PDB file of N, CA and C in Angstrom:
ATOM      1  N   UNK A   1     100.789 104.574  74.654  1.00  0.00           N
ATOM      2  CA  UNK A   1      99.949 104.788  75.829  1.00  0.00           C
ATOM      3  C   UNK A   1      99.103 103.611  76.130  1.00  0.00           C
ATOM      4  N   UNK A   2      98.850 103.432  77.396  1.00  0.00           N
ATOM      5  CA  UNK A   2      98.038 102.353  77.823  1.00  0.00           C
ATOM      6  C   UNK A   2      96.587 102.748  77.935  1.00  0.00           C
ATOM      7  N   UNK A   3      95.890 102.676  76.790  1.00  0.00           N
ATOM      8  CA  UNK A   3      94.492 103.105  76.679  1.00  0.00           C
ATOM      9  C   UNK A   3      93.683 102.102  75.904  1.00  0.00           C
ATOM     10  N   UNK A   4      92.516 101.780  76.290  1.00  0.00           N
ATOM     11  CA  UNK A   4      91.653 100.861  75.533  1.00  0.00           C
ATOM     12  C   UNK A   4      91.194 101.549  74.245  1.00  0.00           C
ATOM     13  N   UNK A   5      91.226 100.877  73.065  1.00  0.00           N
ATOM     14  CA  UNK A   5      90.872 101.483  71.825  1.00  0.00           C
ATOM     15  C   UNK A   5      89.361 101.720  71.676  1.00  0.00           C
ATOM     16  N   UNK A   6      88.572 100.965  72.499  1.00  0.00           N
ATOM     17  CA  UNK A   6      87.106 101.059  72.377  1.00  0.00           C
ATOM     18  C   UNK A   6      86.495 102.031  73.352  1.00  0.00           C
ATOM     19  N   UNK A   7      86.823 101.907  74.642  1.00  0.00           N
ATOM     20  CA  UNK A   7      86.123 102.732  75.638  1.00  0.00           C
ATOM     21  C   UNK A   7      87.043 103.936  76.140  1.00  0.00           C
ATOM     22  N   UNK A   8      88.373 103.859  75.891  1.00  0.00           N
ATOM     23  CA  UNK A   8      89.213 104.956  76.276  1.00  0.00           C
ATOM     24  C   UNK A   8      89.705 104.802  77.671  1.00  0.00           C
ATOM     25  N   UNK A   9      89.446 103.658  78.395  1.00  0.00           N
ATOM     26  CA  UNK A   9      89.891 103.467  79.749  1.00  0.00           C
ATOM     27  C   UNK A   9      91.419 103.538  79.750  1.00  0.00           C
ATOM     28  N   UNK A  10      92.046 104.287  80.704  1.00  0.00           N
ATOM     29  CA  UNK A  10      93.466 104.467  80.785  1.00  0.00           C
ATOM     30  C   UNK A  10      93.965 104.305  82.183  1.00  0.00           C
ATOM     31  N   UNK A  11      95.155 104.764  82.416  1.00  0.00           N
ATOM     32  CA  UNK A  11      95.803 104.723  83.716  1.00  0.00           C
ATOM     33  C   UNK A  11      95.119 105.634  84.725  1.00  0.00           C
ATOM     34  N   UNK A  12      94.855 105.095  85.949  1.00  0.00           N
ATOM     35  CA  UNK A  12      94.268 105.866  87.015  1.00  0.00           C
ATOM     36  C   UNK A  12      95.313 106.088  88.127  1.00  0.00           C
ATOM     37  N   UNK A  13      95.282 107.262  88.752  1.00  0.00           N
ATOM     38  CA  UNK A  13      96.281 107.544  89.762  1.00  0.00           C
ATOM     39  C   UNK A  13      95.590 107.735  91.070  1.00  0.00           C
ATOM     40  N   UNK A  14      96.399 107.442  92.154  1.00  0.00           N
ATOM     41  CA  UNK A  14      95.846 107.602  93.487  1.00  0.00           C
ATOM     42  C   UNK A  14      97.011 107.495  94.511  1.00  0.00           C
ATOM     43  N   UNK A  15      96.688 107.058  95.723  1.00  0.00           N
ATOM     44  CA  UNK A  15      97.693 106.947  96.744  1.00  0.00           C
ATOM     45  C   UNK A  15      97.691 105.601  97.401  1.00  0.00           C
ATOM     46  N   UNK A  16      98.899 105.122  97.696  1.00  0.00           N
ATOM     47  CA  UNK A  16      99.019 104.033  98.729  1.00  0.00           C
ATOM     48  C   UNK A  16      98.958 104.708 100.097  1.00  0.00           C
ATOM     49  N   UNK A  17      98.160 104.151 100.956  1.00  0.00           N
ATOM     50  CA  UNK A  17      97.988 104.732 102.289  1.00  0.00           C
ATOM     51  C   UNK A  17      98.543 103.710 103.352  1.00  0.00           C
ATOM     52  N   UNK A  18      99.519 103.989 104.063  1.00  0.00           N
ATOM     53  CA  UNK A  18     100.147 103.164 105.032  1.00  0.00           C
ATOM     54  C   UNK A  18      99.298 103.142 106.295  1.00  0.00           C
ATOM     55  N   UNK A  19      99.714 102.263 107.209  1.00  0.00           N
ATOM     56  CA  UNK A  19      99.039 102.136 108.546  1.00  0.00           C
ATOM     57  C   UNK A  19      99.164 103.433 109.275  1.00  0.00           C
ATOM     58  N   UNK A  20     100.278 104.152 109.090  1.00  0.00           N
ATOM     59  CA  UNK A  20     100.448 105.431 109.789  1.00  0.00           C
ATOM     60  C   UNK A  20      99.808 106.604 109.028  1.00  0.00           C
ATOM     61  N   UNK A  21      99.068 106.291 107.968  1.00  0.00           N
ATOM     62  CA  UNK A  21      98.358 107.185 107.122  1.00  0.00           C
ATOM     63  C   UNK A  21      99.210 108.145 106.272  1.00  0.00           C
ATOM     64  N   UNK A  22     100.441 107.630 105.999  1.00  0.00           N
ATOM     65  CA  UNK A  22     101.305 108.335 105.003  1.00  0.00           C
ATOM     66  C   UNK A  22     100.800 107.952 103.610  1.00  0.00           C
ATOM     67  N   UNK A  23     100.860 108.971 102.731  1.00  0.00           N
ATOM     68  CA  UNK A  23     100.347 108.680 101.362  1.00  0.00           C
ATOM     69  C   UNK A  23     101.520 108.802 100.400  1.00  0.00           C
ATOM     70  N   UNK A  24     101.679 107.862  99.543  1.00  0.00           N
ATOM     71  CA  UNK A  24     102.649 107.856  98.380  1.00  0.00           C
ATOM     72  C   UNK A  24     101.843 107.583  97.132  1.00  0.00           C
ATOM     73  N   UNK A  25     102.361 108.187  96.054  1.00  0.00           N
ATOM     74  CA  UNK A  25     101.681 108.102  94.786  1.00  0.00           C
ATOM     75  C   UNK A  25     101.717 106.687  94.211  1.00  0.00           C
ATOM     76  N   UNK A  26     100.711 106.272  93.487  1.00  0.00           N
ATOM     77  CA  UNK A  26     100.728 105.014  92.825  1.00  0.00           C
ATOM     78  C   UNK A  26      99.829 105.140  91.619  1.00  0.00           C
ATOM     79  N   UNK A  27      99.838 104.165  90.732  1.00  0.00           N
ATOM     80  CA  UNK A  27      98.935 104.120  89.598  1.00  0.00           C
ATOM     81  C   UNK A  27      98.374 102.705  89.369  1.00  0.00           C
ATOM     82  N   UNK A  28      97.178 102.698  88.785  1.00  0.00           N
ATOM     83  CA  UNK A  28      96.532 101.478  88.417  1.00  0.00           C
ATOM     84  C   UNK A  28      96.462 101.349  86.919  1.00  0.00           C
ATOM     85  N   UNK A  29      96.956 100.311  86.362  1.00  0.00           N
ATOM     86  CA  UNK A  29      97.034 100.144  84.866  1.00  0.00           C
ATOM     87  C   UNK A  29      95.828  99.267  84.513  1.00  0.00           C
ATOM     88  N   UNK A  30      95.191  99.584  83.360  1.00  0.00           N
ATOM     89  CA  UNK A  30      94.121  98.758  82.853  1.00  0.00           C
ATOM     90  C   UNK A  30      94.655  97.421  82.399  1.00  0.00           C
ATOM     91  N   UNK A  31      93.780  96.413  82.423  1.00  0.00           N
ATOM     92  CA  UNK A  31      94.162  95.071  81.964  1.00  0.00           C
ATOM     93  C   UNK A  31      93.909  95.024  80.428  1.00  0.00           C
ATOM     94  N   UNK A  32      94.922  95.336  79.630  1.00  0.00           N
ATOM     95  CA  UNK A  32      94.748  95.460  78.156  1.00  0.00           C
ATOM     96  C   UNK A  32      95.243  94.159  77.501  1.00  0.00           C
ATOM     97  N   UNK A  33      94.469  93.747  76.465  1.00  0.00           N
ATOM     98  CA  UNK A  33      94.802  92.544  75.689  1.00  0.00           C
ATOM     99  C   UNK A  33      94.725  92.916  74.175  1.00  0.00           C
ATOM    100  N   UNK A  34      95.606  92.381  73.410  1.00  0.00           N
ATOM    101  CA  UNK A  34      95.558  92.577  71.984  1.00  0.00           C
ATOM    102  C   UNK A  34      94.694  91.548  71.382  1.00  0.00           C
ATOM    103  N   UNK A  35      93.715  91.959  70.547  1.00  0.00           N
ATOM    104  CA  UNK A  35      92.784  90.983  69.897  1.00  0.00           C
ATOM    105  C   UNK A  35      92.553  91.477  68.476  1.00  0.00           C
ATOM    106  N   UNK A  36      92.305  90.523  67.620  1.00  0.00           N
ATOM    107  CA  UNK A  36      91.927  90.879  66.189  1.00  0.00           C
ATOM    108  C   UNK A  36      90.403  90.878  66.091  1.00  0.00           C
ATOM    109  N   UNK A  37      89.879  91.998  65.639  1.00  0.00           N
ATOM    110  CA  UNK A  37      88.420  92.113  65.487  1.00  0.00           C
ATOM    111  C   UNK A  37      88.127  92.677  64.133  1.00  0.00           C
ATOM    112  N   UNK A  38      86.901  92.468  63.606  1.00  0.00           N
ATOM    113  CA  UNK A  38      86.464  93.023  62.357  1.00  0.00           C
ATOM    114  C   UNK A  38      85.951  94.408  62.531  1.00  0.00           C
ATOM    115  N   UNK A  39      86.540  95.361  61.787  1.00  0.00           N
ATOM    116  CA  UNK A  39      85.994  96.763  61.806  1.00  0.00           C
ATOM    117  C   UNK A  39      85.781  97.112  60.391  1.00  0.00           C
ATOM    118  N   UNK A  40      84.553  97.349  60.025  1.00  0.00           N
ATOM    119  CA  UNK A  40      84.151  97.656  58.613  1.00  0.00           C
ATOM    120  C   UNK A  40      84.642  96.586  57.638  1.00  0.00           C
ATOM    121  N   UNK A  41      84.522  95.325  58.044  1.00  0.00           N
ATOM    122  CA  UNK A  41      84.922  94.236  57.136  1.00  0.00           C
ATOM    123  C   UNK A  41      86.429  93.979  57.071  1.00  0.00           C
ATOM    124  N   UNK A  42      87.238  94.742  57.764  1.00  0.00           N
ATOM    125  CA  UNK A  42      88.654  94.575  57.730  1.00  0.00           C
ATOM    126  C   UNK A  42      89.110  94.003  59.142  1.00  0.00           C
ATOM    127  N   UNK A  43      89.975  92.967  59.104  1.00  0.00           N
ATOM    128  CA  UNK A  43      90.499  92.473  60.391  1.00  0.00           C
ATOM    129  C   UNK A  43      91.589  93.400  60.916  1.00  0.00           C
ATOM    130  N   UNK A  44      91.399  93.916  62.109  1.00  0.00           N
ATOM    131  CA  UNK A  44      92.268  94.900  62.734  1.00  0.00           C
ATOM    132  C   UNK A  44      92.748  94.404  64.049  1.00  0.00           C
ATOM    133  N   UNK A  45      94.006  94.637  64.355  1.00  0.00           N
ATOM    134  CA  UNK A  45      94.556  94.284  65.728  1.00  0.00           C
ATOM    135  C   UNK A  45      94.331  95.504  66.600  1.00  0.00           C
ATOM    136  N   UNK A  46      93.547  95.332  67.684  1.00  0.00           N
ATOM    137  CA  UNK A  46      93.286  96.488  68.579  1.00  0.00           C
ATOM    138  C   UNK A  46      93.695  96.066  70.025  1.00  0.00           C
ATOM    139  N   UNK A  47      93.794  97.070  70.865  1.00  0.00           N
ATOM    140  CA  UNK A  47      94.095  96.916  72.249  1.00  0.00           C
ATOM    141  C   UNK A  47      92.762  97.099  73.034  1.00  0.00           C
ATOM    142  N   UNK A  48      92.308  96.062  73.713  1.00  0.00           N
ATOM    143  CA  UNK A  48      91.052  96.098  74.451  1.00  0.00           C
ATOM    144  C   UNK A  48      91.248  95.870  75.950  1.00  0.00           C
ATOM    145  N   UNK A  49      90.471  96.558  76.790  1.00  0.00           N
ATOM    146  CA  UNK A  49      90.443  96.206  78.162  1.00  0.00           C
ATOM    147  C   UNK A  49      89.542  94.971  78.304  1.00  0.00           C
ATOM    148  N   UNK A  50      89.724  94.236  79.423  1.00  0.00           N
ATOM    149  CA  UNK A  50      88.994  93.027  79.600  1.00  0.00           C
ATOM    150  C   UNK A  50      87.441  93.262  79.716  1.00  0.00           C
ATOM    151  N   UNK A  51      87.065  94.438  80.150  1.00  0.00           N
ATOM    152  CA  UNK A  51      85.648  94.672  80.225  1.00  0.00           C
ATOM    153  C   UNK A  51      85.062  94.804  78.830  1.00  0.00           C
ATOM    154  N   UNK A  52      85.718  95.454  77.925  1.00  0.00           N
ATOM    155  CA  UNK A  52      85.289  95.519  76.535  1.00  0.00           C
ATOM    156  C   UNK A  52      85.336  94.181  75.847  1.00  0.00           C
ATOM    157  N   UNK A  53      86.336  93.341  76.250  1.00  0.00           N
ATOM    158  CA  UNK A  53      86.599  92.027  75.610  1.00  0.00           C
ATOM    159  C   UNK A  53      85.337  91.210  76.004  1.00  0.00           C
ATOM    160  N   UNK A  54      84.854  91.344  77.262  1.00  0.00           N
ATOM    161  CA  UNK A  54      83.743  90.534  77.768  1.00  0.00           C
ATOM    162  C   UNK A  54      82.384  90.963  77.242  1.00  0.00           C
ATOM    163  N   UNK A  55      82.277  92.240  76.820  1.00  0.00           N
ATOM    164  CA  UNK A  55      81.002  92.789  76.404  1.00  0.00           C
ATOM    165  C   UNK A  55      80.684  92.409  75.057  1.00  0.00           C
ATOM    166  N   UNK A  56      79.445  92.622  74.602  1.00  0.00           N
ATOM    167  CA  UNK A  56      78.932  92.227  73.325  1.00  0.00           C
ATOM    168  C   UNK A  56      79.046  93.330  72.280  1.00  0.00           C
ATOM    169  N   UNK A  57      79.718  94.455  72.615  1.00  0.00           N
ATOM    170  CA  UNK A  57      79.818  95.636  71.669  1.00  0.00           C
ATOM    171  C   UNK A  57      80.723  95.410  70.520  1.00  0.00           C
ATOM    172  N   UNK A  58      81.617  94.456  70.617  1.00  0.00           N
ATOM    173  CA  UNK A  58      82.635  94.218  69.574  1.00  0.00           C
ATOM    174  C   UNK A  58      82.159  93.028  68.707  1.00  0.00           C
ATOM    175  N   UNK A  59      82.846  92.850  67.602  1.00  0.00           N
ATOM    176  CA  UNK A  59      82.561  91.707  66.724  1.00  0.00           C
ATOM    177  C   UNK A  59      83.916  90.951  66.603  1.00  0.00           C
ATOM    178  N   UNK A  60      83.916  89.682  66.930  1.00  0.00           N
ATOM    179  CA  UNK A  60      85.143  88.871  66.950  1.00  0.00           C
ATOM    180  C   UNK A  60      85.589  88.673  65.522  1.00  0.00           C
ATOM    181  N   UNK A  61      86.878  88.582  65.327  1.00  0.00           N
ATOM    182  CA  UNK A  61      87.471  88.309  64.004  1.00  0.00           C
ATOM    183  C   UNK A  61      87.255  86.740  63.765  1.00  0.00           C
ATOM    184  N   UNK A  62      87.060  86.454  62.544  1.00  0.00           N
ATOM    185  CA  UNK A  62      86.981  85.037  62.169  1.00  0.00           C
ATOM    186  C   UNK A  62      88.351  84.456  62.128  1.00  0.00           C
ATOM    187  N   UNK A  63      88.467  83.259  62.629  1.00  0.00           N
ATOM    188  CA  UNK A  63      89.733  82.486  62.613  1.00  0.00           C
ATOM    189  C   UNK A  63      89.939  81.959  61.211  1.00  0.00           C
ATOM    190  N   UNK A  64      91.166  82.127  60.679  1.00  0.00           N
ATOM    191  CA  UNK A  64      91.445  81.581  59.326  1.00  0.00           C
ATOM    192  C   UNK A  64      92.604  80.667  59.349  1.00  0.00           C
TER     193      UNK A  64
END
């Protein structure tokens, strides 16, 4: 599933609306990136949305 491992952001659904006001279904996918971060001292590969990647709530993994 396309869900951020930290905030839980996922796919959003809505409509494309044409000039004649016809509505067709569409979906917006979150911009997810795989990054290695330290969780309880262990380096873990997680899927993050770019908002969480930009925020200070995570701890970056040390490059080795």
